[in-house]
Structures are given as C-alpha cells and as structure tokens.
N, C-alpha and C. Protein backbone atom coordinates (compact mmCIF):
# COMPACT_ATOMS: atom_id res chain seq x y z
N MET A 1 68.58 14.64 50.50
CA MET A 1 67.47 15.57 50.53
C MET A 1 66.22 14.82 50.99
N ALA A 2 65.38 15.54 51.68
CA ALA A 2 64.15 14.95 52.20
C ALA A 2 62.96 15.81 51.78
N ARG A 3 61.85 15.16 51.55
CA ARG A 3 60.60 15.87 51.23
C ARG A 3 60.02 16.41 52.53
N THR A 4 59.43 17.60 52.47
CA THR A 4 58.78 18.18 53.63
C THR A 4 57.41 18.70 53.26
N LYS A 5 56.46 18.52 54.14
CA LYS A 5 55.11 19.03 53.91
C LYS A 5 54.79 20.21 54.82
N THR A 6 55.61 20.45 55.82
CA THR A 6 55.27 21.47 56.82
C THR A 6 56.19 22.67 56.84
N THR A 7 57.35 22.61 56.19
CA THR A 7 58.29 23.72 56.22
C THR A 7 57.79 24.86 55.36
N ARG A 8 57.91 26.07 55.89
CA ARG A 8 57.45 27.27 55.17
C ARG A 8 58.55 28.33 55.17
N ILE A 9 58.63 29.05 54.06
CA ILE A 9 59.48 30.22 53.93
C ILE A 9 58.53 31.41 53.87
N VAL A 10 58.66 32.33 54.82
CA VAL A 10 57.75 33.47 54.91
C VAL A 10 58.50 34.72 54.48
N LEU A 11 57.91 35.45 53.53
CA LEU A 11 58.50 36.69 53.04
C LEU A 11 57.83 37.86 53.74
N VAL A 12 58.64 38.76 54.26
CA VAL A 12 58.14 39.97 54.93
C VAL A 12 59.05 41.12 54.51
N THR A 13 58.45 42.22 54.06
CA THR A 13 59.25 43.42 53.78
C THR A 13 59.04 44.41 54.93
N CYS A 14 60.09 45.14 55.24
CA CYS A 14 60.08 46.11 56.33
C CYS A 14 60.58 47.46 55.81
N GLY A 15 60.14 48.51 56.45
CA GLY A 15 60.49 49.86 56.02
C GLY A 15 61.92 50.26 56.28
N ASN A 16 62.58 49.59 57.24
CA ASN A 16 63.98 49.93 57.53
C ASN A 16 64.68 48.77 58.21
N LEU A 17 65.99 48.85 58.29
CA LEU A 17 66.81 47.76 58.82
C LEU A 17 66.57 47.55 60.32
N ILE A 18 66.34 48.61 61.06
CA ILE A 18 66.09 48.48 62.50
C ILE A 18 64.84 47.64 62.75
N GLU A 19 63.77 47.95 62.02
CA GLU A 19 62.53 47.18 62.16
C GLU A 19 62.74 45.73 61.73
N ALA A 20 63.43 45.52 60.62
CA ALA A 20 63.69 44.17 60.13
C ALA A 20 64.45 43.34 61.17
N ARG A 21 65.48 43.92 61.75
CA ARG A 21 66.28 43.20 62.75
C ARG A 21 65.48 42.93 64.02
N ARG A 22 64.63 43.88 64.41
CA ARG A 22 63.80 43.69 65.61
C ARG A 22 62.82 42.53 65.40
N ILE A 23 62.14 42.50 64.26
CA ILE A 23 61.20 41.42 63.97
C ILE A 23 61.94 40.09 63.91
N ALA A 24 63.08 40.05 63.22
CA ALA A 24 63.86 38.82 63.10
C ALA A 24 64.24 38.27 64.48
N SER A 25 64.75 39.13 65.31
CA SER A 25 65.18 38.71 66.64
C SER A 25 64.02 38.20 67.49
N LYS A 26 62.91 38.93 67.48
CA LYS A 26 61.76 38.54 68.32
C LYS A 26 61.17 37.21 67.90
N VAL A 27 60.99 36.98 66.59
CA VAL A 27 60.34 35.74 66.17
C VAL A 27 61.23 34.53 66.40
N VAL A 28 62.55 34.70 66.33
CA VAL A 28 63.45 33.59 66.64
C VAL A 28 63.47 33.34 68.15
N ARG A 29 63.57 34.40 68.95
CA ARG A 29 63.58 34.23 70.41
C ARG A 29 62.32 33.57 70.93
N LYS A 30 61.18 33.83 70.27
CA LYS A 30 59.90 33.24 70.70
C LYS A 30 59.65 31.87 70.06
N HIS A 31 60.63 31.33 69.35
CA HIS A 31 60.53 30.03 68.69
C HIS A 31 59.41 29.98 67.66
N LEU A 32 59.07 31.14 67.08
CA LEU A 32 58.08 31.18 66.00
C LEU A 32 58.74 30.87 64.66
N ALA A 33 60.05 30.96 64.63
CA ALA A 33 60.85 30.62 63.45
C ALA A 33 62.20 30.11 63.94
N ALA A 34 62.80 29.23 63.15
CA ALA A 34 64.12 28.72 63.50
C ALA A 34 65.21 29.68 63.06
N CYS A 35 64.95 30.40 61.97
CA CYS A 35 65.97 31.27 61.38
C CYS A 35 65.29 32.36 60.57
N VAL A 36 65.87 33.54 60.60
CA VAL A 36 65.43 34.64 59.73
C VAL A 36 66.66 35.20 59.04
N THR A 37 66.61 35.27 57.74
CA THR A 37 67.66 35.90 56.97
C THR A 37 67.20 37.31 56.63
N VAL A 38 67.99 38.28 57.04
CA VAL A 38 67.72 39.68 56.71
C VAL A 38 68.54 40.00 55.47
N ILE A 39 67.85 40.25 54.36
CA ILE A 39 68.53 40.60 53.12
C ILE A 39 69.02 42.04 53.25
N LEU A 40 70.33 42.20 53.28
CA LEU A 40 70.89 43.54 53.42
C LEU A 40 70.86 44.20 52.05
N GLY A 41 69.76 44.85 51.77
CA GLY A 41 69.51 45.48 50.48
C GLY A 41 69.93 46.93 50.51
N PRO A 42 69.03 47.77 50.39
CA PRO A 42 67.61 47.45 50.38
C PRO A 42 67.15 46.89 49.04
N VAL A 43 65.94 46.32 49.06
CA VAL A 43 65.27 45.93 47.83
C VAL A 43 64.34 47.06 47.44
N GLN A 44 63.98 47.13 46.19
CA GLN A 44 63.05 48.17 45.75
C GLN A 44 61.71 47.52 45.43
N SER A 45 60.65 48.04 46.03
CA SER A 45 59.30 47.54 45.79
C SER A 45 58.50 48.58 45.02
N VAL A 46 57.74 48.11 44.05
CA VAL A 46 56.81 48.96 43.31
C VAL A 46 55.44 48.37 43.54
N TYR A 47 54.50 49.19 44.02
CA TYR A 47 53.19 48.67 44.41
C TYR A 47 52.14 49.76 44.28
N ARG A 48 50.90 49.34 44.30
CA ARG A 48 49.79 50.29 44.27
C ARG A 48 49.28 50.45 45.70
N TRP A 49 49.14 51.70 46.16
CA TRP A 49 48.64 52.00 47.50
C TRP A 49 47.72 53.20 47.41
N LYS A 50 46.49 53.01 47.84
CA LYS A 50 45.48 54.07 47.84
C LYS A 50 45.34 54.71 46.46
N GLY A 51 45.32 53.85 45.42
CA GLY A 51 45.08 54.30 44.06
C GLY A 51 46.27 54.85 43.31
N LYS A 52 47.44 54.89 43.94
CA LYS A 52 48.63 55.44 43.28
C LYS A 52 49.75 54.43 43.27
N VAL A 53 50.55 54.45 42.21
CA VAL A 53 51.72 53.59 42.14
C VAL A 53 52.82 54.23 42.99
N GLN A 54 53.36 53.43 43.89
CA GLN A 54 54.39 53.89 44.83
C GLN A 54 55.67 53.10 44.60
N THR A 55 56.78 53.67 44.99
CA THR A 55 58.07 52.99 44.99
C THR A 55 58.69 53.18 46.37
N ALA A 56 59.23 52.09 46.92
CA ALA A 56 59.84 52.18 48.25
C ALA A 56 61.07 51.29 48.32
N ARG A 57 62.02 51.75 49.11
CA ARG A 57 63.19 50.93 49.45
C ARG A 57 62.85 50.21 50.74
N GLU A 58 62.98 48.88 50.73
CA GLU A 58 62.59 48.08 51.88
C GLU A 58 63.66 47.04 52.19
N GLN A 59 63.56 46.47 53.36
CA GLN A 59 64.40 45.35 53.77
C GLN A 59 63.54 44.09 53.68
N LEU A 60 64.12 43.02 53.16
CA LEU A 60 63.39 41.76 52.98
C LEU A 60 63.83 40.74 54.01
N LEU A 61 62.85 40.12 54.65
CA LEU A 61 63.11 39.02 55.58
C LEU A 61 62.70 37.71 54.93
N LEU A 62 63.54 36.69 55.07
CA LEU A 62 63.21 35.31 54.70
C LEU A 62 63.12 34.54 56.01
N ILE A 63 61.92 34.20 56.41
CA ILE A 63 61.69 33.56 57.70
C ILE A 63 61.46 32.07 57.47
N LYS A 64 62.26 31.23 58.13
CA LYS A 64 62.12 29.79 58.00
C LYS A 64 61.41 29.24 59.22
N THR A 65 60.26 28.58 58.99
CA THR A 65 59.42 28.11 60.08
C THR A 65 58.65 26.88 59.64
N VAL A 66 57.71 26.46 60.48
CA VAL A 66 56.84 25.33 60.17
C VAL A 66 55.40 25.81 60.13
N GLU A 67 54.58 25.06 59.44
CA GLU A 67 53.20 25.47 59.20
C GLU A 67 52.43 25.78 60.47
N LYS A 68 52.61 24.99 61.53
CA LYS A 68 51.82 25.20 62.76
C LYS A 68 52.13 26.54 63.44
N GLN A 69 53.23 27.18 63.08
CA GLN A 69 53.59 28.46 63.68
C GLN A 69 53.12 29.66 62.87
N LEU A 70 52.48 29.44 61.72
CA LEU A 70 52.12 30.56 60.86
C LEU A 70 51.16 31.55 61.53
N GLY A 71 50.16 31.07 62.23
CA GLY A 71 49.21 31.97 62.90
C GLY A 71 49.89 32.84 63.95
N PRO A 72 50.59 32.21 64.92
CA PRO A 72 51.30 33.02 65.92
C PRO A 72 52.38 33.91 65.31
N LEU A 73 53.05 33.43 64.26
CA LEU A 73 54.07 34.24 63.59
C LEU A 73 53.43 35.47 62.97
N GLU A 74 52.32 35.30 62.28
CA GLU A 74 51.64 36.45 61.68
C GLU A 74 51.23 37.46 62.75
N ALA A 75 50.69 36.98 63.86
CA ALA A 75 50.27 37.88 64.93
C ALA A 75 51.45 38.68 65.48
N GLU A 76 52.59 38.04 65.66
CA GLU A 76 53.78 38.74 66.18
C GLU A 76 54.31 39.74 65.18
N ILE A 77 54.34 39.38 63.90
CA ILE A 77 54.80 40.32 62.88
C ILE A 77 53.89 41.54 62.86
N ARG A 78 52.58 41.33 62.88
CA ARG A 78 51.64 42.45 62.87
C ARG A 78 51.82 43.34 64.11
N ARG A 79 52.10 42.73 65.25
CA ARG A 79 52.30 43.49 66.48
C ARG A 79 53.53 44.39 66.39
N LEU A 80 54.58 43.91 65.74
CA LEU A 80 55.85 44.63 65.69
C LEU A 80 56.01 45.53 64.46
N HIS A 81 55.22 45.32 63.43
CA HIS A 81 55.42 45.97 62.14
C HIS A 81 54.79 47.36 62.11
N SER A 82 55.43 48.27 61.38
CA SER A 82 54.95 49.65 61.29
C SER A 82 53.93 49.87 60.17
N TYR A 83 53.82 48.94 59.23
CA TYR A 83 52.92 49.11 58.09
C TYR A 83 51.48 48.82 58.49
N ASP A 84 50.53 49.52 57.86
CA ASP A 84 49.10 49.21 58.03
C ASP A 84 48.79 47.83 57.48
N VAL A 85 49.42 47.48 56.36
CA VAL A 85 49.19 46.20 55.69
C VAL A 85 50.56 45.59 55.38
N PRO A 86 51.18 44.91 56.35
CA PRO A 86 52.49 44.33 56.08
C PRO A 86 52.40 43.14 55.13
N GLU A 87 53.42 42.99 54.32
CA GLU A 87 53.52 41.81 53.45
C GLU A 87 53.90 40.62 54.33
N ILE A 88 53.06 39.60 54.32
CA ILE A 88 53.35 38.35 55.03
C ILE A 88 52.87 37.25 54.09
N ILE A 89 53.81 36.62 53.39
CA ILE A 89 53.47 35.60 52.40
C ILE A 89 54.26 34.34 52.74
N ALA A 90 53.54 33.23 52.93
CA ALA A 90 54.18 31.95 53.25
C ALA A 90 54.22 31.07 52.00
N LEU A 91 55.39 30.55 51.71
CA LEU A 91 55.59 29.65 50.59
C LEU A 91 55.99 28.28 51.11
N PRO A 92 55.49 27.21 50.50
CA PRO A 92 55.91 25.88 50.95
C PRO A 92 57.33 25.57 50.47
N ALA A 93 58.09 24.94 51.32
CA ALA A 93 59.39 24.40 50.93
C ALA A 93 59.14 22.92 50.64
N VAL A 94 59.55 22.44 49.50
CA VAL A 94 59.23 21.08 49.08
C VAL A 94 60.31 20.09 49.49
N TRP A 95 61.56 20.48 49.34
CA TRP A 95 62.69 19.61 49.66
C TRP A 95 63.70 20.38 50.49
N GLY A 96 64.48 19.63 51.26
CA GLY A 96 65.57 20.23 52.01
C GLY A 96 66.47 19.15 52.58
N SER A 97 67.60 19.58 53.06
CA SER A 97 68.51 18.66 53.73
C SER A 97 67.81 18.09 54.95
N ALA A 98 67.86 16.79 55.14
CA ALA A 98 67.17 16.14 56.26
C ALA A 98 67.63 16.71 57.59
N ASP A 99 68.93 16.94 57.75
CA ASP A 99 69.45 17.49 59.00
C ASP A 99 68.91 18.91 59.23
N TYR A 100 68.89 19.73 58.17
CA TYR A 100 68.40 21.10 58.31
C TYR A 100 66.91 21.11 58.64
N LEU A 101 66.13 20.28 57.97
CA LEU A 101 64.69 20.24 58.22
C LEU A 101 64.40 19.80 59.64
N SER A 102 65.16 18.86 60.16
CA SER A 102 64.99 18.41 61.54
C SER A 102 65.32 19.55 62.50
N TRP A 103 66.42 20.24 62.26
CA TRP A 103 66.81 21.38 63.10
C TRP A 103 65.74 22.47 63.05
N LEU A 104 65.26 22.78 61.85
CA LEU A 104 64.25 23.82 61.67
C LEU A 104 62.98 23.48 62.45
N SER A 105 62.54 22.25 62.34
CA SER A 105 61.32 21.84 63.05
C SER A 105 61.51 21.93 64.56
N GLU A 106 62.63 21.47 65.04
CA GLU A 106 62.92 21.51 66.48
C GLU A 106 62.98 22.94 67.01
N ASN A 107 63.53 23.85 66.22
CA ASN A 107 63.72 25.22 66.68
C ASN A 107 62.57 26.16 66.35
N SER A 108 61.54 25.63 65.71
CA SER A 108 60.32 26.41 65.45
C SER A 108 59.21 25.99 66.40
N ALA A 109 59.51 25.12 67.33
CA ALA A 109 58.51 24.64 68.28
C ALA A 109 58.35 25.64 69.41
N ASN A 110 57.12 25.95 69.73
CA ASN A 110 56.84 26.89 70.81
C ASN A 110 57.25 26.25 72.15
N LYS A 111 58.20 26.86 72.85
CA LYS A 111 58.75 26.29 74.08
C LYS A 111 58.43 27.15 75.29
N LYS A 112 57.24 27.73 75.32
CA LYS A 112 56.85 28.59 76.44
C LYS A 112 56.67 27.80 77.70
C-alpha cells in the first residue's frame, strides 16, 4: 500500500441510469477520471429542497480521479447533469495499492 495526497473519490448522484452512464463514459473518455463505478441501485436519497423534505431514487457514481482534474471534472459534470444543483463531493483517498494509484494518475491526465 502507498500513501497518496492527490487521489480523490468523487461522489455524484444522478436521476437515472442513462444519465449516470453518460456522465461516467464522458469523464473517462476525456481523461477527467481513470474509472467511474456506477452503483446499480438505485440508492434512496432524503434531502431538503425548496423548504420541503424530498425523497428520490438515484444512481450513485464513484469517480476515481486526481486533485488537478477536479475543476474540469466539475465543469463537465455540470454540463451533462440534469439537476439544478448536482451533488459533487470529492473525498481524499489516503492509501491505495501502488500499482492502482499509478494507473489512476496516468489515466486521469488530460491528454488533449
């Protein structure tokens, strides 16, 4: 295992599986993330929106990327997402397999 300071796991919820798969595919193709796991749920979210408690069935994305891609990744998610205020939360990954972290870093590099 190796310590990492730049690896991030980004959580994004989507309104449906089609949107989740579209976002996953686009961010990987654009090298904004090395991998996206689409949780085949759905998951249930309970949240407050416009003063009322709401419940929704959503699809959860776990996006694996590096810190330098967070800005462009957020912009792409916002461009593709149907929500007015999409959930985009980045969490630091502290440890990981050295081989995986190397692969993740290499495949999250913008190669335009």
